[in-house]
Structures are given as structure tokens and as C-alpha cells.
Amino acid sequence: MLKAKIFVQLKPSVLDPQGKAVSNSLHNLGFSSVFETRISKYIEISFDSEDKARTAQETEKICKSLLANPNTESYHFELEEC
């Protein structure tokens, strides 16, 4: 079995209101050295397959068709055996 560990984040040019709210809260809690916070998504998908090339292709299709908005988000993933 293989597991895809997928990281989806907003592109740097996209405003992140949730990240801004977290930064403000951290400043209010006394963490004054925090400069910026960006919120991302982490997704794990397990595949019943040992074929890394095919699983990478499927993961790429999944990311493009469902998990990441290409206009505002970028993504990368890692495959590992589980």
C-alpha cells in the first residue's frame, strides 16, 4: 500500500484572511515576533497499490480535479509506503 501526503497552500499573491486572523491572535497573546501566518491544508490518501508511478499520476489528477484550485492554490505531495 502507498500513502500520498498532500500539501495544498495559497499562492503567495493570494490574501489569507484566516492566516491574518491567526497572526493577530498570536500578537494579542504576546507573540510579537510572529511576522506572518499562512493557513494550508494537509490531506492523506491511502492507495491499495504498490505502483508508485501510477499512484503519482492518480494523485496528480486528484489534486488537479478536486483538492486544489489552480487559480489560487499550489500543491505538492509525497508518496510513502505504509
Protein backbone atom coordinates (compact mmCIF):
# COMPACT_ATOMS: atom_id res chain seq x y z
CA MET A 1 0.00 0.00 0.00
CA LEU A 2 1.05 3.56 -0.68
CA LYS A 3 0.10 6.77 1.06
CA ALA A 4 0.04 10.19 -0.57
CA LYS A 5 0.78 13.10 1.76
CA ILE A 6 -0.63 16.16 0.02
CA PHE A 7 0.06 19.77 0.96
CA VAL A 8 -2.18 22.49 -0.51
CA GLN A 9 -1.38 26.15 0.16
CA LEU A 10 -2.50 29.51 -1.10
CA LYS A 11 -0.24 31.08 -3.70
CA PRO A 12 1.90 33.88 -2.21
CA SER A 13 -0.04 36.56 -4.11
CA VAL A 14 -3.40 35.46 -2.61
CA LEU A 15 -4.61 37.13 0.58
CA ASP A 16 -5.08 34.78 3.51
CA PRO A 17 -7.68 36.26 5.90
CA GLN A 18 -7.62 33.19 8.14
CA GLY A 19 -3.83 33.42 8.42
CA LYS A 20 -4.12 37.14 9.19
CA ALA A 21 -6.62 36.41 11.98
CA VAL A 22 -4.25 33.83 13.49
CA SER A 23 -1.34 36.31 13.29
CA ASN A 24 -3.44 38.95 15.06
CA SER A 25 -4.41 36.46 17.78
CA LEU A 26 -0.79 35.45 18.26
CA HIS A 27 0.23 39.10 18.62
CA ASN A 28 -2.57 39.58 21.21
CA LEU A 29 -1.18 36.59 23.12
CA GLY A 30 2.26 38.24 23.26
CA PHE A 31 4.00 36.52 20.35
CA SER A 32 5.22 39.80 18.90
CA SER A 33 7.96 38.27 16.75
CA VAL A 34 5.41 36.49 14.51
CA PHE A 35 5.59 38.22 11.13
CA GLU A 36 3.06 36.28 9.04
CA THR A 37 0.88 33.19 9.27
CA ARG A 38 -0.42 31.27 6.26
CA ILE A 39 -3.04 28.54 6.63
CA SER A 40 -2.70 25.43 4.48
CA LYS A 41 -4.41 22.06 4.02
CA TYR A 42 -2.84 18.68 4.62
CA ILE A 43 -4.53 15.59 3.18
CA GLU A 44 -3.56 11.92 3.34
CA ILE A 45 -4.88 9.37 0.86
CA SER A 46 -4.08 5.66 1.12
CA PHE A 47 -3.97 3.62 -2.08
CA ASP A 48 -4.25 -0.14 -2.47
CA SER A 49 -1.32 -0.17 -4.87
CA GLU A 50 2.43 -0.73 -4.96
CA ASP A 51 2.93 1.05 -8.29
CA LYS A 52 4.48 4.42 -7.42
CA ALA A 53 4.31 5.82 -10.94
CA ARG A 54 0.62 5.04 -11.34
CA THR A 55 -0.18 6.27 -7.83
CA ALA A 56 1.70 9.52 -8.50
CA GLN A 57 -0.35 10.03 -11.69
CA GLU A 58 -3.60 9.36 -9.83
CA THR A 59 -2.61 11.70 -7.00
CA GLU A 60 -1.77 14.42 -9.53
CA LYS A 61 -5.21 14.01 -11.15
CA ILE A 62 -6.93 14.09 -7.75
CA CYS A 63 -5.13 17.29 -6.79
CA LYS A 64 -5.92 19.00 -10.09
CA SER A 65 -9.56 17.93 -10.23
CA LEU A 66 -10.64 18.24 -6.61
CA LEU A 67 -8.16 19.22 -3.90
CA ALA A 68 -6.50 22.40 -5.23
CA ASN A 69 -7.88 25.42 -7.04
CA PRO A 70 -5.22 26.17 -9.69
CA ASN A 71 -6.13 29.87 -9.70
CA THR A 72 -5.38 30.44 -6.02
CA GLU A 73 -3.54 27.40 -4.67
CA SER A 74 -0.41 25.40 -5.27
CA TYR A 75 0.27 21.87 -4.06
CA HIS A 76 2.90 19.22 -3.75
CA PHE A 77 2.80 15.66 -2.49
CA GLU A 78 4.98 12.85 -1.25
CA LEU A 79 4.38 9.13 -1.61
CA GLU A 80 5.40 6.70 1.07
CA GLU A 81 4.89 3.02 1.70
CA CYS A 82 2.53 2.16 4.54
